[in-house]
Amino acid sequence: MMSTLTVHCPTDFETIVNMEFQTADVLTSQRDRVRRHASLLRAAVLEGINECEVLLLVEDTKSVKKLRSRIIATGNDRVLLERGLSIPVHCIRQVEFLS
């Protein structure tokens, strides 16, 4: 089973900061990319309303990791997470909403 990283745990935070991301998008179809962008926008809006956490499936050059965080803001290229951490949009495979 894949462990879940959180931005609040100091060792997880360090792991996230040191991740090396590919330059290519992890999603191959335009449809999946549009769906991801819509999910990121939804997460950012829900964050503004009730501090909604999501589970991101993130891929770097070495592995795929689960990352639990709130999405503060999203743009075309990067996503701003808690604690001022930002990651590239193109490394996110999936956005899962936690109830």
N, C-alpha and C. Protein backbone atom coordinates (compact mmCIF):
# COMPACT_ATOMS: atom_id res chain seq x y z
N MET A 1 0.84 -1.20 0.00
CA MET A 1 0.00 0.00 0.00
C MET A 1 0.89 1.26 0.00
N MET A 2 0.43 2.25 -0.71
CA MET A 2 1.16 3.51 -0.83
C MET A 2 0.90 4.38 0.40
N SER A 3 1.96 4.91 0.99
CA SER A 3 1.78 5.79 2.15
C SER A 3 1.34 7.18 1.66
N THR A 4 0.70 7.91 2.57
CA THR A 4 0.20 9.24 2.24
C THR A 4 1.08 10.30 2.89
N LEU A 5 1.56 11.23 2.09
CA LEU A 5 2.36 12.35 2.59
C LEU A 5 1.44 13.49 3.00
N THR A 6 1.81 14.21 4.05
CA THR A 6 1.07 15.42 4.43
C THR A 6 2.07 16.57 4.59
N VAL A 7 1.61 17.77 4.32
CA VAL A 7 2.51 18.93 4.42
C VAL A 7 2.80 19.31 5.87
N HIS A 8 2.05 18.76 6.82
CA HIS A 8 2.24 19.11 8.23
C HIS A 8 3.36 18.30 8.90
N CYS A 9 3.65 17.12 8.39
CA CYS A 9 4.72 16.28 8.94
C CYS A 9 6.06 16.78 8.38
N PRO A 10 7.01 17.15 9.25
CA PRO A 10 8.29 17.71 8.78
C PRO A 10 9.04 16.82 7.79
N THR A 11 9.06 15.50 8.01
CA THR A 11 9.78 14.63 7.07
C THR A 11 9.05 14.52 5.74
N ASP A 12 7.71 14.48 5.78
CA ASP A 12 6.92 14.47 4.54
C ASP A 12 7.12 15.77 3.77
N PHE A 13 7.11 16.89 4.49
CA PHE A 13 7.29 18.20 3.86
C PHE A 13 8.63 18.24 3.11
N GLU A 14 9.67 17.73 3.77
CA GLU A 14 11.01 17.67 3.16
C GLU A 14 11.01 16.78 1.92
N THR A 15 10.31 15.66 2.00
CA THR A 15 10.19 14.75 0.85
C THR A 15 9.53 15.46 -0.32
N ILE A 16 8.44 16.18 -0.05
CA ILE A 16 7.70 16.88 -1.10
C ILE A 16 8.57 17.97 -1.73
N VAL A 17 9.25 18.74 -0.90
CA VAL A 17 10.12 19.82 -1.38
C VAL A 17 11.22 19.28 -2.30
N ASN A 18 11.72 18.09 -1.99
CA ASN A 18 12.83 17.52 -2.75
C ASN A 18 12.41 16.63 -3.92
N MET A 19 11.11 16.55 -4.20
CA MET A 19 10.66 15.73 -5.33
C MET A 19 11.16 16.35 -6.64
N GLU A 20 11.58 15.49 -7.55
CA GLU A 20 12.03 15.93 -8.88
C GLU A 20 10.96 15.55 -9.90
N PHE A 21 10.35 16.57 -10.50
CA PHE A 21 9.24 16.33 -11.42
C PHE A 21 9.71 16.28 -12.87
N GLN A 22 9.03 15.44 -13.64
CA GLN A 22 9.30 15.36 -15.07
C GLN A 22 8.82 16.63 -15.76
N THR A 23 9.29 16.86 -16.96
CA THR A 23 8.82 18.01 -17.72
C THR A 23 7.55 17.69 -18.51
N ALA A 24 7.36 16.42 -18.82
CA ALA A 24 6.18 16.00 -19.58
C ALA A 24 4.98 15.81 -18.64
N ASP A 25 3.77 16.00 -19.17
CA ASP A 25 2.55 15.80 -18.40
C ASP A 25 2.34 14.31 -18.15
N VAL A 26 1.94 13.96 -16.93
CA VAL A 26 1.69 12.56 -16.60
C VAL A 26 0.38 12.06 -17.21
N LEU A 27 -0.48 12.98 -17.62
CA LEU A 27 -1.73 12.60 -18.29
C LEU A 27 -1.56 12.76 -19.79
N THR A 28 -2.00 11.76 -20.54
CA THR A 28 -1.78 11.78 -21.99
C THR A 28 -2.94 12.38 -22.77
N SER A 29 -4.16 12.25 -22.27
CA SER A 29 -5.30 12.76 -23.06
C SER A 29 -5.72 14.16 -22.61
N GLN A 30 -6.14 14.95 -23.57
CA GLN A 30 -6.61 16.31 -23.30
C GLN A 30 -7.83 16.28 -22.38
N ARG A 31 -8.68 15.29 -22.57
CA ARG A 31 -9.88 15.14 -21.75
C ARG A 31 -9.51 14.98 -20.27
N ASP A 32 -8.51 14.13 -19.98
CA ASP A 32 -8.07 13.93 -18.60
C ASP A 32 -7.46 15.20 -18.03
N ARG A 33 -6.74 15.95 -18.84
CA ARG A 33 -6.14 17.21 -18.39
C ARG A 33 -7.21 18.24 -18.04
N VAL A 34 -8.26 18.31 -18.85
CA VAL A 34 -9.37 19.24 -18.57
C VAL A 34 -10.07 18.83 -17.28
N ARG A 35 -10.28 17.52 -17.10
CA ARG A 35 -10.92 17.01 -15.89
C ARG A 35 -10.08 17.34 -14.65
N ARG A 36 -8.75 17.18 -14.76
CA ARG A 36 -7.85 17.50 -13.65
C ARG A 36 -7.94 18.99 -13.32
N HIS A 37 -7.90 19.84 -14.34
CA HIS A 37 -7.96 21.29 -14.11
C HIS A 37 -9.26 21.68 -13.42
N ALA A 38 -10.37 21.08 -13.86
CA ALA A 38 -11.68 21.37 -13.24
C ALA A 38 -11.68 20.92 -11.78
N SER A 39 -11.09 19.78 -11.48
CA SER A 39 -11.04 19.28 -10.10
C SER A 39 -10.18 20.19 -9.23
N LEU A 40 -9.07 20.68 -9.77
CA LEU A 40 -8.20 21.58 -9.01
C LEU A 40 -8.91 22.91 -8.72
N LEU A 41 -9.64 23.43 -9.70
CA LEU A 41 -10.41 24.66 -9.49
C LEU A 41 -11.48 24.45 -8.43
N ARG A 42 -12.18 23.32 -8.50
CA ARG A 42 -13.21 22.99 -7.52
C ARG A 42 -12.61 22.90 -6.12
N ALA A 43 -11.44 22.26 -6.01
CA ALA A 43 -10.78 22.12 -4.71
C ALA A 43 -10.39 23.48 -4.15
N ALA A 44 -9.91 24.38 -5.01
CA ALA A 44 -9.51 25.72 -4.55
C ALA A 44 -10.73 26.51 -4.07
N VAL A 45 -11.86 26.38 -4.78
CA VAL A 45 -13.09 27.07 -4.38
C VAL A 45 -13.61 26.50 -3.06
N LEU A 46 -13.64 25.17 -2.94
CA LEU A 46 -14.11 24.54 -1.70
C LEU A 46 -13.21 24.90 -0.52
N GLU A 47 -11.91 25.03 -0.77
CA GLU A 47 -10.96 25.43 0.27
C GLU A 47 -11.34 26.79 0.83
N GLY A 48 -11.76 27.70 -0.05
CA GLY A 48 -12.16 29.04 0.37
C GLY A 48 -13.42 29.03 1.22
N ILE A 49 -14.24 28.01 1.04
CA ILE A 49 -15.50 27.93 1.77
C ILE A 49 -15.34 27.20 3.11
N ASN A 50 -14.71 26.03 3.08
CA ASN A 50 -14.67 25.23 4.33
C ASN A 50 -13.37 24.43 4.54
N GLU A 51 -12.26 24.93 4.05
CA GLU A 51 -10.96 24.28 4.25
C GLU A 51 -10.99 22.80 3.88
N CYS A 52 -11.39 22.54 2.66
CA CYS A 52 -11.52 21.19 2.12
C CYS A 52 -10.15 20.59 1.79
N GLU A 53 -9.89 19.38 2.30
CA GLU A 53 -8.65 18.68 1.96
C GLU A 53 -8.91 17.72 0.81
N VAL A 54 -7.88 17.54 -0.02
CA VAL A 54 -7.96 16.58 -1.11
C VAL A 54 -6.77 15.63 -1.03
N LEU A 55 -6.90 14.53 -1.74
CA LEU A 55 -5.82 13.57 -1.86
C LEU A 55 -5.34 13.62 -3.31
N LEU A 56 -4.09 14.03 -3.49
CA LEU A 56 -3.52 14.13 -4.83
C LEU A 56 -2.65 12.91 -5.10
N LEU A 57 -2.78 12.36 -6.29
CA LEU A 57 -1.88 11.31 -6.74
C LEU A 57 -0.84 12.02 -7.59
N VAL A 58 0.40 12.08 -7.08
CA VAL A 58 1.46 12.89 -7.68
C VAL A 58 2.59 11.98 -8.16
N GLU A 59 3.08 12.25 -9.36
CA GLU A 59 4.16 11.44 -9.92
C GLU A 59 5.42 12.28 -10.09
N ASP A 60 6.54 11.77 -9.58
CA ASP A 60 7.83 12.41 -9.84
C ASP A 60 8.69 11.44 -10.65
N THR A 61 9.97 11.74 -10.82
CA THR A 61 10.82 10.91 -11.67
C THR A 61 11.06 9.52 -11.08
N LYS A 62 10.83 9.36 -9.78
CA LYS A 62 11.13 8.09 -9.12
C LYS A 62 9.91 7.23 -8.82
N SER A 63 8.78 7.85 -8.48
CA SER A 63 7.62 7.07 -8.03
C SER A 63 6.34 7.88 -8.08
N VAL A 64 5.24 7.23 -7.69
CA VAL A 64 3.94 7.88 -7.54
C VAL A 64 3.64 7.93 -6.05
N LYS A 65 3.20 9.10 -5.58
CA LYS A 65 2.93 9.28 -4.15
C LYS A 65 1.55 9.87 -3.95
N LYS A 66 0.97 9.58 -2.79
CA LYS A 66 -0.28 10.22 -2.39
C LYS A 66 0.09 11.41 -1.52
N LEU A 67 -0.56 12.52 -1.77
CA LEU A 67 -0.28 13.75 -1.03
C LEU A 67 -1.60 14.34 -0.55
N ARG A 68 -1.74 14.46 0.77
CA ARG A 68 -2.97 15.02 1.35
C ARG A 68 -2.71 16.47 1.74
N SER A 69 -3.53 17.37 1.21
CA SER A 69 -3.35 18.79 1.48
C SER A 69 -4.60 19.56 1.10
N ARG A 70 -4.61 20.83 1.47
CA ARG A 70 -5.62 21.76 0.97
C ARG A 70 -5.02 22.47 -0.23
N ILE A 71 -5.84 22.77 -1.21
CA ILE A 71 -5.38 23.52 -2.39
C ILE A 71 -5.80 24.97 -2.19
N ILE A 72 -4.81 25.82 -1.99
CA ILE A 72 -5.06 27.23 -1.72
C ILE A 72 -5.42 27.96 -3.02
N ALA A 73 -4.68 27.66 -4.08
CA ALA A 73 -4.92 28.30 -5.38
C ALA A 73 -4.37 27.39 -6.47
N THR A 74 -4.89 27.58 -7.68
CA THR A 74 -4.38 26.82 -8.82
C THR A 74 -4.30 27.73 -10.04
N GLY A 75 -3.30 27.46 -10.85
CA GLY A 75 -3.12 28.19 -12.10
C GLY A 75 -2.96 27.19 -13.22
N ASN A 76 -2.49 27.65 -14.37
CA ASN A 76 -2.30 26.74 -15.49
C ASN A 76 -1.08 25.85 -15.30
N ASP A 77 -0.07 26.36 -14.59
CA ASP A 77 1.20 25.63 -14.47
C ASP A 77 1.47 25.05 -13.09
N ARG A 78 1.02 25.73 -12.03
CA ARG A 78 1.36 25.29 -10.67
C ARG A 78 0.15 25.32 -9.76
N VAL A 79 0.23 24.54 -8.68
CA VAL A 79 -0.81 24.48 -7.66
C VAL A 79 -0.18 24.90 -6.33
N LEU A 80 -0.83 25.81 -5.63
CA LEU A 80 -0.34 26.26 -4.32
C LEU A 80 -1.05 25.45 -3.24
N LEU A 81 -0.24 24.76 -2.44
CA LEU A 81 -0.75 23.95 -1.34
C LEU A 81 -0.55 24.69 -0.02
N GLU A 82 -0.85 24.02 1.06
CA GLU A 82 -0.64 24.60 2.39
C GLU A 82 0.84 24.88 2.62
N ARG A 83 1.12 25.74 3.57
CA ARG A 83 2.48 26.09 4.00
C ARG A 83 3.32 26.68 2.87
N GLY A 84 2.66 27.27 1.87
CA GLY A 84 3.38 27.94 0.79
C GLY A 84 4.05 27.00 -0.20
N LEU A 85 3.70 25.75 -0.15
CA LEU A 85 4.30 24.75 -1.03
C LEU A 85 3.59 24.76 -2.38
N SER A 86 4.37 24.74 -3.46
CA SER A 86 3.73 24.67 -4.77
C SER A 86 4.35 23.54 -5.58
N ILE A 87 3.49 22.88 -6.37
CA ILE A 87 3.94 21.78 -7.23
C ILE A 87 3.40 22.02 -8.64
N PRO A 88 4.05 21.45 -9.66
CA PRO A 88 3.56 21.62 -11.02
C PRO A 88 2.24 20.85 -11.24
N VAL A 89 1.35 21.45 -11.99
CA VAL A 89 0.07 20.81 -12.32
C VAL A 89 0.33 19.52 -13.10
N HIS A 90 1.30 19.53 -14.00
CA HIS A 90 1.50 18.38 -14.90
C HIS A 90 1.97 17.11 -14.19
N CYS A 91 2.29 17.19 -12.90
CA CYS A 91 2.72 15.99 -12.16
C CYS A 91 1.55 15.33 -11.43
N ILE A 92 0.35 15.93 -11.47
CA ILE A 92 -0.80 15.41 -10.75
C ILE A 92 -1.59 14.46 -11.63
N ARG A 93 -1.67 13.20 -11.20
CA ARG A 93 -2.42 12.18 -11.94
C ARG A 93 -3.92 12.26 -11.63
N GLN A 94 -4.24 12.52 -10.35
CA GLN A 94 -5.63 12.42 -9.91
C GLN A 94 -5.88 13.33 -8.71
N VAL A 95 -7.10 13.85 -8.62
CA VAL A 95 -7.54 14.64 -7.46
C VAL A 95 -8.73 13.92 -6.86
N GLU A 96 -8.59 13.52 -5.60
CA GLU A 96 -9.66 12.81 -4.91
C GLU A 96 -10.18 13.69 -3.77
N PHE A 97 -11.49 13.90 -3.75
CA PHE A 97 -12.08 14.72 -2.70
C PHE A 97 -12.41 13.87 -1.49
N LEU A 98 -12.01 14.34 -0.32
CA LEU A 98 -12.27 13.63 0.93
C LEU A 98 -13.54 14.18 1.56
N SER A 99 -14.39 13.31 2.04
CA SER A 99 -15.67 13.79 2.60
C SER A 99 -15.54 14.21 4.04
